[in-house]
Amino acid sequence: MSRLVLVPVFLYLLFAREGHDEWWRLAAFGVFAIASVTDHIDGNLARKHGLITDFGKIADPIADKALTGAALVGLSMLGELAWWVTVVIAVRELGVTALRFWVIRHGVIPASRGGKAKTLVQIVAIGLYLLPLPSYLEPIATGTMGLAVVLTVVTGVDYVVRAVRLRARGKRAVAGT
């Protein structure tokens, strides 16, 4: 829940002083970093103590998408990130969410290593875009975001393949009974 509460705070800080004031950008980065770290801590604590709940299974991905989506849209609105990047990532995330509902009767597709790497690279890339970097470091942010887009697309395709296989197995199992 704290991540969801931090999203409007993050957006306020990101757009303060038209989004280009160094101090406000550092503050926005700080809130984004805190929200991202709480996601990691929350997941580890839930698994360690067996506190995985149905609410958490729904609220966690919503909070993740709200935070990264707000950051990507905000950066695109400020003209600092190409809109096509935001659209590709948003379409993948919404598509994967739809696929989860499509296969939910047949099972759950766990997060893959690629999916976890995608999330980490997206967070790092967004963080780099949020920071007021000197111009000679901007290619690092651009390259990291490029890698995030590639991982986003590749893991999205992988998720589609796994969802189709899971659904086909589920249908065969139902037909065989």
Protein backbone atom coordinates (compact mmCIF):
# COMPACT_ATOMS: atom_id res chain seq x y z
CA MET A 1 0.00 0.00 0.00
CA SER A 2 2.89 2.37 0.72
CA ARG A 3 3.97 2.19 -2.93
CA LEU A 4 0.51 3.19 -4.11
CA VAL A 5 0.54 6.13 -1.68
CA LEU A 6 3.99 7.18 -2.93
CA VAL A 7 2.90 7.37 -6.60
CA PRO A 8 1.15 10.77 -6.33
CA VAL A 9 3.99 12.06 -4.12
CA PHE A 10 6.47 10.94 -6.77
CA LEU A 11 4.47 12.63 -9.55
CA TYR A 12 4.21 15.86 -7.58
CA LEU A 13 7.98 15.94 -7.09
CA LEU A 14 8.65 14.98 -10.73
CA PHE A 15 6.52 17.81 -12.12
CA ALA A 16 7.49 20.45 -9.52
CA ARG A 17 9.02 23.52 -11.17
CA GLU A 18 8.05 22.14 -14.59
CA GLY A 19 10.07 18.97 -14.01
CA HIS A 20 13.51 20.43 -14.64
CA ASP A 21 14.67 21.61 -11.23
CA GLU A 22 17.65 19.58 -10.02
CA TRP A 23 16.60 19.43 -6.36
CA TRP A 24 13.05 18.35 -7.15
CA ARG A 25 14.30 15.71 -9.58
CA LEU A 26 16.60 14.32 -6.89
CA ALA A 27 13.63 14.23 -4.51
CA ALA A 28 11.51 12.44 -7.15
CA PHE A 29 14.36 9.96 -7.68
CA GLY A 30 14.54 9.40 -3.90
CA VAL A 31 10.83 8.61 -3.65
CA PHE A 32 11.02 6.34 -6.70
CA ALA A 33 14.02 4.53 -5.19
CA ILE A 34 12.31 4.12 -1.81
CA ALA A 35 9.15 2.78 -3.47
CA SER A 36 11.20 0.36 -5.57
CA VAL A 37 13.18 -0.89 -2.58
CA THR A 38 10.00 -1.39 -0.52
CA ASP A 39 8.71 -3.64 -3.30
CA HIS A 40 11.77 -5.87 -2.96
CA ILE A 41 11.66 -5.88 0.85
CA ASP A 42 7.90 -6.52 0.91
CA GLY A 43 8.23 -9.52 -1.41
CA ASN A 44 11.10 -11.03 0.56
CA LEU A 45 9.29 -10.61 3.89
CA ALA A 46 6.06 -12.09 2.54
CA ARG A 47 7.87 -15.17 1.19
CA LYS A 48 10.09 -15.60 4.26
CA HIS A 49 7.21 -15.45 6.75
CA GLY A 50 4.57 -17.16 4.62
CA LEU A 51 2.49 -14.00 4.43
CA ILE A 52 1.54 -14.28 0.78
CA THR A 53 -2.11 -13.25 0.51
CA ASP A 54 -4.65 -12.97 -2.27
CA PHE A 55 -4.73 -9.21 -1.66
CA GLY A 56 -0.96 -9.03 -2.02
CA LYS A 57 -1.03 -11.05 -5.23
CA ILE A 58 -3.35 -8.44 -6.71
CA ALA A 59 -2.08 -5.26 -5.03
CA ASP A 60 1.64 -5.88 -5.65
CA PRO A 61 1.52 -5.94 -9.46
CA ILE A 62 -0.91 -2.99 -9.46
CA ALA A 63 1.50 -0.97 -7.32
CA ASP A 64 4.42 -1.96 -9.56
CA LYS A 65 2.58 -0.94 -12.72
CA ALA A 66 1.31 2.29 -11.14
CA LEU A 67 4.81 3.34 -10.10
CA THR A 68 6.66 2.44 -13.30
CA GLY A 69 3.75 3.57 -15.48
CA ALA A 70 3.58 6.94 -13.73
CA ALA A 71 7.34 7.39 -14.11
CA LEU A 72 7.36 6.46 -17.80
CA VAL A 73 4.35 8.63 -18.66
CA GLY A 74 5.76 11.49 -16.60
CA LEU A 75 9.14 11.32 -18.32
CA SER A 76 7.44 11.19 -21.73
CA MET A 77 5.24 14.17 -20.85
CA LEU A 78 8.36 16.10 -19.91
CA GLY A 79 9.84 15.24 -23.30
CA GLU A 80 12.72 13.26 -21.80
CA LEU A 81 11.65 9.79 -22.91
CA ALA A 82 10.25 8.86 -26.30
CA TRP A 83 6.56 8.02 -26.17
CA TRP A 84 7.10 4.81 -28.13
CA VAL A 85 9.18 3.46 -25.23
CA THR A 86 6.36 4.18 -22.79
CA VAL A 87 3.79 2.62 -25.15
CA VAL A 88 5.83 -0.57 -25.76
CA ILE A 89 6.34 -1.12 -22.03
CA ALA A 90 2.71 -0.27 -21.18
CA VAL A 91 1.31 -2.58 -23.88
CA ARG A 92 3.49 -5.44 -22.65
CA GLU A 93 2.48 -4.92 -19.02
CA LEU A 94 -1.24 -4.68 -19.84
CA GLY A 95 -0.94 -7.67 -22.17
CA VAL A 96 0.69 -9.81 -19.51
CA THR A 97 -2.02 -8.80 -17.04
CA ALA A 98 -4.69 -9.84 -19.55
CA LEU A 99 -2.89 -13.15 -20.13
CA ARG A 100 -2.87 -13.83 -16.40
CA PHE A 101 -6.65 -13.59 -16.36
CA TRP A 102 -6.88 -15.70 -19.53
CA VAL A 103 -5.01 -18.63 -17.94
CA ILE A 104 -5.99 -18.22 -14.28
CA ARG A 105 -8.30 -21.29 -14.32
CA HIS A 106 -5.45 -23.42 -15.63
CA GLY A 107 -2.71 -22.28 -13.27
CA VAL A 108 -0.29 -19.50 -12.48
CA ILE A 109 2.77 -18.63 -14.51
CA PRO A 110 5.52 -17.75 -12.05
CA ALA A 111 7.86 -14.86 -12.70
CA SER A 112 10.84 -15.97 -14.73
CA ARG A 113 14.45 -14.89 -14.29
CA GLY A 114 14.01 -12.84 -17.44
CA GLY A 115 10.96 -11.14 -15.97
CA LYS A 116 12.84 -10.31 -12.80
CA ALA A 117 15.79 -9.00 -14.84
CA LYS A 118 13.33 -6.92 -16.92
CA THR A 119 11.91 -5.35 -13.78
CA LEU A 120 15.36 -4.56 -12.36
CA VAL A 121 16.62 -3.04 -15.62
CA GLN A 122 13.42 -0.99 -15.99
CA ILE A 123 13.84 0.39 -12.46
CA VAL A 124 17.51 1.24 -13.04
CA ALA A 125 16.73 2.85 -16.42
CA ILE A 126 13.90 4.94 -14.99
CA GLY A 127 16.13 5.94 -12.08
CA LEU A 128 18.84 7.10 -14.49
CA TYR A 129 16.30 9.15 -16.44
CA LEU A 130 15.05 10.73 -13.22
CA LEU A 131 18.50 11.79 -12.09
CA PRO A 132 19.85 15.09 -13.37
CA LEU A 133 22.82 13.46 -15.11
CA PRO A 134 25.52 15.41 -16.90
CA SER A 135 25.18 15.15 -20.67
CA TYR A 136 28.18 12.84 -21.06
CA LEU A 137 26.37 10.19 -18.94
CA GLU A 138 23.08 10.37 -20.85
CA PRO A 139 24.13 7.56 -23.25
CA ILE A 140 24.25 5.24 -20.22
CA ALA A 141 20.62 6.06 -19.41
CA THR A 142 19.63 5.64 -23.06
CA GLY A 143 21.45 2.30 -23.36
CA THR A 144 19.94 1.00 -20.14
CA MET A 145 16.45 1.99 -21.30
CA GLY A 146 17.14 0.28 -24.63
CA LEU A 147 18.06 -2.90 -22.78
CA ALA A 148 14.89 -2.53 -20.68
CA VAL A 149 12.78 -2.31 -23.86
CA VAL A 150 14.46 -5.40 -25.35
CA LEU A 151 13.95 -7.38 -22.14
CA THR A 152 10.37 -6.14 -21.94
CA VAL A 153 9.56 -7.42 -25.44
CA VAL A 154 11.46 -10.72 -25.11
CA THR A 155 9.92 -11.58 -21.74
CA GLY A 156 6.50 -10.55 -23.04
CA VAL A 157 6.82 -13.02 -25.93
CA ASP A 158 8.05 -15.69 -23.48
CA TYR A 159 5.02 -15.04 -21.27
CA VAL A 160 2.66 -15.44 -24.26
CA VAL A 161 4.28 -18.79 -25.16
CA ARG A 162 4.07 -20.04 -21.56
CA ALA A 163 0.44 -18.89 -21.24
CA VAL A 164 -0.60 -20.65 -24.46
CA ARG A 165 1.13 -23.87 -23.33
CA LEU A 166 -0.44 -23.72 -19.88
CA ARG A 167 -3.89 -23.14 -21.30
CA ALA A 168 -3.47 -25.97 -23.84
CA ARG A 169 -2.37 -28.37 -21.05
CA GLY A 170 -5.35 -27.29 -18.98
CA LYS A 171 -7.77 -27.94 -21.83
CA ARG A 172 -6.23 -31.36 -22.51
CA ALA A 173 -6.49 -32.24 -18.83
CA VAL A 174 -10.18 -31.24 -18.76
CA ALA A 175 -10.89 -33.18 -21.98
CA GLY A 176 -9.17 -36.27 -20.58
CA THR A 177 -11.31 -36.45 -17.44
